[in-house]
């Protein structure tokens, strides 16, 4: 579960960095920034739901991911 969480965090940061890149490059001429930020929000919510489900089903112990 730890590897999955770390992969999600990497994907979230990559999406955020690409949104910044498109913000600088396009200067508001396209909607790619909004799409990348939407992807980031969806990935963040998915990670949150997976962590809550993992805790609920006992995959993640009460002491956390170690």
PDB file of N, CA and C in Angstrom:
ATOM      1  N   UNK A   1       0.831  -1.197   0.000  1.00  0.00           N
ATOM      2  CA  UNK A   1       0.000   0.000   0.000  1.00  0.00           C
ATOM      3  C   UNK A   1       0.875   1.261   0.000  1.00  0.00           C
ATOM      4  N   UNK A   2       2.045   1.148   0.618  1.00  0.00           N
ATOM      5  CA  UNK A   2       2.931   2.304   0.678  1.00  0.00           C
ATOM      6  C   UNK A   2       3.399   2.711  -0.715  1.00  0.00           C
ATOM      7  N   UNK A   3       3.703   1.721  -1.556  1.00  0.00           N
ATOM      8  CA  UNK A   3       4.172   2.015  -2.910  1.00  0.00           C
ATOM      9  C   UNK A   3       3.062   2.668  -3.725  1.00  0.00           C
ATOM     10  N   UNK A   4       1.835   2.195  -3.544  1.00  0.00           N
ATOM     11  CA  UNK A   4       0.690   2.784  -4.258  1.00  0.00           C
ATOM     12  C   UNK A   4       0.508   4.239  -3.836  1.00  0.00           C
ATOM     13  N   UNK A   5       0.600   4.507  -2.547  1.00  0.00           N
ATOM     14  CA  UNK A   5       0.443   5.879  -2.060  1.00  0.00           C
ATOM     15  C   UNK A   5       1.553   6.782  -2.595  1.00  0.00           C
ATOM     16  N   UNK A   6       2.778   6.277  -2.610  1.00  0.00           N
ATOM     17  CA  UNK A   6       3.888   7.079  -3.130  1.00  0.00           C
ATOM     18  C   UNK A   6       3.744   7.331  -4.629  1.00  0.00           C
ATOM     19  N   UNK A   7       3.273   6.338  -5.376  1.00  0.00           N
ATOM     20  CA  UNK A   7       3.039   6.531  -6.807  1.00  0.00           C
ATOM     21  C   UNK A   7       1.966   7.584  -7.058  1.00  0.00           C
ATOM     22  N   UNK A   8       0.903   7.539  -6.264  1.00  0.00           N
ATOM     23  CA  UNK A   8      -0.141   8.546  -6.411  1.00  0.00           C
ATOM     24  C   UNK A   8       0.401   9.943  -6.125  1.00  0.00           C
ATOM     25  N   UNK A   9       1.242  10.067  -5.105  1.00  0.00           N
ATOM     26  CA  UNK A   9       1.820  11.370  -4.781  1.00  0.00           C
ATOM     27  C   UNK A   9       2.713  11.861  -5.914  1.00  0.00           C
ATOM     28  N   UNK A  10       3.480  10.961  -6.511  1.00  0.00           N
ATOM     29  CA  UNK A  10       4.325  11.346  -7.648  1.00  0.00           C
ATOM     30  C   UNK A  10       3.466  11.807  -8.815  1.00  0.00           C
ATOM     31  N   UNK A  11       2.376  11.079  -9.101  1.00  0.00           N
ATOM     32  CA  UNK A  11       1.488  11.469 -10.198  1.00  0.00           C
ATOM     33  C   UNK A  11       0.807  12.812  -9.913  1.00  0.00           C
ATOM     34  N   UNK A  12       0.445  13.046  -8.666  1.00  0.00           N
ATOM     35  CA  UNK A  12      -0.187  14.317  -8.291  1.00  0.00           C
ATOM     36  C   UNK A  12       0.793  15.467  -8.496  1.00  0.00           C
ATOM     37  N   UNK A  13       2.025  15.291  -8.058  1.00  0.00           N
ATOM     38  CA  UNK A  13       3.032  16.347  -8.232  1.00  0.00           C
ATOM     39  C   UNK A  13       3.370  16.564  -9.707  1.00  0.00           C
ATOM     40  N   UNK A  14       3.389  15.482 -10.490  1.00  0.00           N
ATOM     41  CA  UNK A  14       3.636  15.607 -11.926  1.00  0.00           C
ATOM     42  C   UNK A  14       2.517  16.384 -12.603  1.00  0.00           C
ATOM     43  N   UNK A  15       1.294  16.103 -12.229  1.00  0.00           N
ATOM     44  CA  UNK A  15       0.155  16.833 -12.786  1.00  0.00           C
ATOM     45  C   UNK A  15       0.214  18.313 -12.407  1.00  0.00           C
ATOM     46  N   UNK A  16       0.603  18.586 -11.180  1.00  0.00           N
ATOM     47  CA  UNK A  16       0.723  19.971 -10.737  1.00  0.00           C
ATOM     48  C   UNK A  16       1.832  20.702 -11.492  1.00  0.00           C
ATOM     49  N   UNK A  17       2.954  20.023 -11.715  1.00  0.00           N
ATOM     50  CA  UNK A  17       4.056  20.632 -12.458  1.00  0.00           C
ATOM     51  C   UNK A  17       3.676  20.874 -13.917  1.00  0.00           C
ATOM     52  N   UNK A  18       2.953  19.942 -14.522  1.00  0.00           N
ATOM     53  CA  UNK A  18       2.544  20.151 -15.910  1.00  0.00           C
ATOM     54  C   UNK A  18       1.523  21.281 -16.020  1.00  0.00           C
ATOM     55  N   UNK A  19       0.675  21.445 -15.012  1.00  0.00           N
ATOM     56  CA  UNK A  19      -0.257  22.571 -15.018  1.00  0.00           C
ATOM     57  C   UNK A  19       0.500  23.898 -14.949  1.00  0.00           C
ATOM     58  N   UNK A  20       1.539  23.943 -14.135  1.00  0.00           N
ATOM     59  CA  UNK A  20       2.362  25.154 -14.064  1.00  0.00           C
ATOM     60  C   UNK A  20       3.048  25.428 -15.394  1.00  0.00           C
ATOM     61  N   UNK A  21       3.558  24.376 -16.027  1.00  0.00           N
ATOM     62  CA  UNK A  21       4.201  24.522 -17.331  1.00  0.00           C
ATOM     63  C   UNK A  21       3.224  25.076 -18.367  1.00  0.00           C
ATOM     64  N   UNK A  22       2.020  24.515 -18.420  1.00  0.00           N
ATOM     65  CA  UNK A  22       1.025  24.992 -19.387  1.00  0.00           C
ATOM     66  C   UNK A  22       0.556  26.405 -19.055  1.00  0.00           C
ATOM     67  N   UNK A  23       0.524  26.745 -17.777  1.00  0.00           N
ATOM     68  CA  UNK A  23       0.144  28.099 -17.385  1.00  0.00           C
ATOM     69  C   UNK A  23       1.149  29.112 -17.911  1.00  0.00           C
ATOM     70  N   UNK A  24       2.430  28.782 -17.815  1.00  0.00           N
ATOM     71  CA  UNK A  24       3.475  29.686 -18.291  1.00  0.00           C
ATOM     72  C   UNK A  24       3.538  29.695 -19.815  1.00  0.00           C
ATOM     73  N   UNK A  25       3.435  28.531 -20.435  1.00  0.00           N
ATOM     74  CA  UNK A  25       3.592  28.419 -21.876  1.00  0.00           C
ATOM     75  C   UNK A  25       2.406  28.999 -22.647  1.00  0.00           C
ATOM     76  N   UNK A  26       1.181  28.658 -22.252  1.00  0.00           N
ATOM     77  CA  UNK A  26      -0.010  29.048 -23.017  1.00  0.00           C
ATOM     78  C   UNK A  26      -0.504  30.454 -22.700  1.00  0.00           C
ATOM     79  N   UNK A  27      -0.196  30.946 -21.531  1.00  0.00           N
ATOM     80  CA  UNK A  27      -0.631  32.286 -21.085  1.00  0.00           C
ATOM     81  C   UNK A  27      -2.138  32.492 -21.204  1.00  0.00           C
ATOM     82  N   UNK A  28      -2.883  31.467 -20.790  1.00  0.00           N
ATOM     83  CA  UNK A  28      -4.338  31.595 -20.756  1.00  0.00           C
ATOM     84  C   UNK A  28      -5.039  31.403 -22.078  1.00  0.00           C
ATOM     85  N   UNK A  29      -4.362  30.904 -23.082  1.00  0.00           N
ATOM     86  CA  UNK A  29      -4.973  30.745 -24.399  1.00  0.00           C
ATOM     87  C   UNK A  29      -5.665  29.386 -24.567  1.00  0.00           C
ATOM     88  N   UNK A  30      -5.400  28.435 -23.702  1.00  0.00           N
ATOM     89  CA  UNK A  30      -6.042  27.130 -23.814  1.00  0.00           C
ATOM     90  C   UNK A  30      -6.549  26.680 -22.445  1.00  0.00           C
ATOM     91  N   UNK A  31      -7.248  25.559 -22.441  1.00  0.00           N
ATOM     92  CA  UNK A  31      -7.803  25.061 -21.189  1.00  0.00           C
ATOM     93  C   UNK A  31      -7.012  23.872 -20.634  1.00  0.00           C
ATOM     94  N   UNK A  32      -5.763  23.724 -21.061  1.00  0.00           N
ATOM     95  CA  UNK A  32      -4.944  22.608 -20.584  1.00  0.00           C
ATOM     96  C   UNK A  32      -4.621  22.730 -19.095  1.00  0.00           C
ATOM     97  N   UNK A  33      -4.513  23.931 -18.596  1.00  0.00           N
ATOM     98  CA  UNK A  33      -4.227  24.122 -17.165  1.00  0.00           C
ATOM     99  C   UNK A  33      -5.387  23.586 -16.335  1.00  0.00           C
ATOM    100  N   UNK A  34      -6.595  23.902 -16.757  1.00  0.00           N
ATOM    101  CA  UNK A  34      -7.778  23.439 -16.027  1.00  0.00           C
ATOM    102  C   UNK A  34      -7.864  21.918 -16.069  1.00  0.00           C
ATOM    103  N   UNK A  35      -7.551  21.334 -17.212  1.00  0.00           N
ATOM    104  CA  UNK A  35      -7.591  19.868 -17.327  1.00  0.00           C
ATOM    105  C   UNK A  35      -6.565  19.211 -16.415  1.00  0.00           C
ATOM    106  N   UNK A  36      -5.352  19.760 -16.359  1.00  0.00           N
ATOM    107  CA  UNK A  36      -4.317  19.184 -15.503  1.00  0.00           C
ATOM    108  C   UNK A  36      -4.663  19.340 -14.022  1.00  0.00           C
ATOM    109  N   UNK A  37      -5.237  20.466 -13.659  1.00  0.00           N
ATOM    110  CA  UNK A  37      -5.630  20.653 -12.266  1.00  0.00           C
ATOM    111  C   UNK A  37      -6.807  19.753 -11.898  1.00  0.00           C
ATOM    112  N   UNK A  38      -7.684  19.497 -12.870  1.00  0.00           N
ATOM    113  CA  UNK A  38      -8.780  18.560 -12.642  1.00  0.00           C
ATOM    114  C   UNK A  38      -8.237  17.154 -12.426  1.00  0.00           C
ATOM    115  N   UNK A  39      -7.244  16.770 -13.205  1.00  0.00           N
ATOM    116  CA  UNK A  39      -6.598  15.468 -13.019  1.00  0.00           C
ATOM    117  C   UNK A  39      -5.974  15.387 -11.630  1.00  0.00           C
ATOM    118  N   UNK A  40      -5.358  16.468 -11.193  1.00  0.00           N
ATOM    119  CA  UNK A  40      -4.739  16.478  -9.864  1.00  0.00           C
ATOM    120  C   UNK A  40      -5.773  16.298  -8.767  1.00  0.00           C
ATOM    121  N   UNK A  41      -6.899  16.969  -8.893  1.00  0.00           N
ATOM    122  CA  UNK A  41      -7.952  16.851  -7.886  1.00  0.00           C
ATOM    123  C   UNK A  41      -8.517  15.435  -7.857  1.00  0.00           C
ATOM    124  N   UNK A  42      -8.732  14.856  -9.031  1.00  0.00           N
ATOM    125  CA  UNK A  42      -9.254  13.489  -9.102  1.00  0.00           C
ATOM    126  C   UNK A  42      -8.264  12.498  -8.494  1.00  0.00           C
ATOM    127  N   UNK A  43      -6.988  12.656  -8.798  1.00  0.00           N
ATOM    128  CA  UNK A  43      -5.973  11.774  -8.207  1.00  0.00           C
ATOM    129  C   UNK A  43      -5.912  11.935  -6.690  1.00  0.00           C
ATOM    130  N   UNK A  44      -6.024  13.150  -6.206  1.00  0.00           N
ATOM    131  CA  UNK A  44      -5.989  13.387  -4.764  1.00  0.00           C
ATOM    132  C   UNK A  44      -7.191  12.747  -4.072  1.00  0.00           C
ATOM    133  N   UNK A  45      -8.366  12.904  -4.663  1.00  0.00           N
ATOM    134  CA  UNK A  45      -9.561  12.289  -4.079  1.00  0.00           C
ATOM    135  C   UNK A  45      -9.482  10.769  -4.125  1.00  0.00           C
ATOM    136  N   UNK A  46      -8.960  10.226  -5.202  1.00  0.00           N
ATOM    137  CA  UNK A  46      -8.804   8.779  -5.312  1.00  0.00           C
ATOM    138  C   UNK A  46      -7.838   8.256  -4.259  1.00  0.00           C
ATOM    139  N   UNK A  47      -6.727   8.956  -4.064  1.00  0.00           N
ATOM    140  CA  UNK A  47      -5.775   8.554  -3.029  1.00  0.00           C
ATOM    141  C   UNK A  47      -6.420   8.606  -1.650  1.00  0.00           C
ATOM    142  N   UNK A  48      -7.168   9.647  -1.376  1.00  0.00           N
ATOM    143  CA  UNK A  48      -7.846   9.779  -0.086  1.00  0.00           C
ATOM    144  C   UNK A  48      -8.826   8.626   0.129  1.00  0.00           C
ATOM    145  N   UNK A  49      -9.616   8.310  -0.889  1.00  0.00           N
ATOM    146  CA  UNK A  49     -10.595   7.224  -0.778  1.00  0.00           C
ATOM    147  C   UNK A  49      -9.889   5.877  -0.599  1.00  0.00           C
ATOM    148  N   UNK A  50      -8.790   5.656  -1.338  1.00  0.00           N
ATOM    149  CA  UNK A  50      -8.042   4.414  -1.180  1.00  0.00           C
ATOM    150  C   UNK A  50      -7.445   4.280   0.215  1.00  0.00           C
ATOM    151  N   UNK A  51      -6.928   5.367   0.764  1.00  0.00           N
ATOM    152  CA  UNK A  51      -6.374   5.318   2.117  1.00  0.00           C
ATOM    153  C   UNK A  51      -7.456   5.053   3.162  1.00  0.00           C
ATOM    154  N   UNK A  52      -8.614   5.675   2.998  1.00  0.00           N
ATOM    155  CA  UNK A  52      -9.716   5.434   3.933  1.00  0.00           C
ATOM    156  C   UNK A  52     -10.233   4.000   3.820  1.00  0.00           C
ATOM    157  N   UNK A  53     -10.336   3.485   2.598  1.00  0.00           N
ATOM    158  CA  UNK A  53     -10.788   2.108   2.401  1.00  0.00           C
ATOM    159  C   UNK A  53      -9.753   1.127   2.943  1.00  0.00           C
ATOM    160  N   UNK A  54      -8.484   1.413   2.742  1.00  0.00           N
ATOM    161  CA  UNK A  54      -7.435   0.547   3.264  1.00  0.00           C
ATOM    162  C   UNK A  54      -7.442   0.492   4.779  1.00  0.00           C
ATOM    163  N   UNK A  55      -7.695   1.611   5.405  1.00  0.00           N
ATOM    164  CA  UNK A  55      -7.792   1.643   6.866  1.00  0.00           C
ATOM    165  C   UNK A  55      -9.028   0.889   7.340  1.00  0.00           C
ATOM    166  N   UNK A  56     -10.145   1.093   6.643  1.00  0.00           N
ATOM    167  CA  UNK A  56     -11.401   0.451   7.030  1.00  0.00           C
ATOM    168  C   UNK A  56     -11.312  -1.066   6.916  1.00  0.00           C
ATOM    169  N   UNK A  57     -10.694  -1.565   5.843  1.00  0.00           N
ATOM    170  CA  UNK A  57     -10.600  -3.004   5.627  1.00  0.00           C
ATOM    171  C   UNK A  57      -9.386  -3.649   6.288  1.00  0.00           C
ATOM    172  N   UNK A  58      -8.591  -2.888   6.985  1.00  0.00           N
ATOM    173  CA  UNK A  58      -7.492  -3.432   7.761  1.00  0.00           C
ATOM    174  C   UNK A  58      -6.183  -3.600   7.000  1.00  0.00           C
ATOM    175  N   UNK A  59      -6.104  -3.089   5.777  1.00  0.00           N
ATOM    176  CA  UNK A  59      -4.865  -3.162   5.020  1.00  0.00           C
ATOM    177  C   UNK A  59      -3.820  -2.238   5.640  1.00  0.00           C
ATOM    178  N   UNK A  60      -4.276  -1.099   6.120  1.00  0.00           N
ATOM    179  CA  UNK A  60      -3.412  -0.141   6.806  1.00  0.00           C
ATOM    180  C   UNK A  60      -3.668  -0.272   8.305  1.00  0.00           C
ATOM    181  N   UNK A  61      -2.667  -0.652   9.098  1.00  0.00           N
ATOM    182  CA  UNK A  61      -2.876  -0.773  10.534  1.00  0.00           C
ATOM    183  C   UNK A  61      -3.043   0.587  11.207  1.00  0.00           C
ATOM    184  N   UNK A  62      -3.434   0.577  12.464  1.00  0.00           N
ATOM    185  CA  UNK A  62      -3.663   1.823  13.197  1.00  0.00           C
ATOM    186  C   UNK A  62      -2.386   2.626  13.383  1.00  0.00           C
ATOM    187  N   UNK A  63      -1.232   1.983  13.294  1.00  0.00           N
ATOM    188  CA  UNK A  63       0.030   2.703  13.469  1.00  0.00           C
ATOM    189  C   UNK A  63       0.446   3.440  12.207  1.00  0.00           C
ATOM    190  N   UNK A  64      -0.241   3.210  11.087  1.00  0.00           N
ATOM    191  CA  UNK A  64       0.066   3.916   9.840  1.00  0.00           C
ATOM    192  C   UNK A  64       0.891   3.077   8.886  1.00  0.00           C
ATOM    193  N   UNK A  65       1.318   3.704   7.801  1.00  0.00           N
ATOM    194  CA  UNK A  65       2.130   3.028   6.797  1.00  0.00           C
ATOM    195  C   UNK A  65       3.598   3.110   7.198  1.00  0.00           C
ATOM    196  N   UNK A  66       4.213   1.982   7.481  1.00  0.00           N
ATOM    197  CA  UNK A  66       5.631   1.964   7.844  1.00  0.00           C
ATOM    198  C   UNK A  66       6.356   0.953   7.037  1.00  0.00           C
TER     199      UNK A  66
END
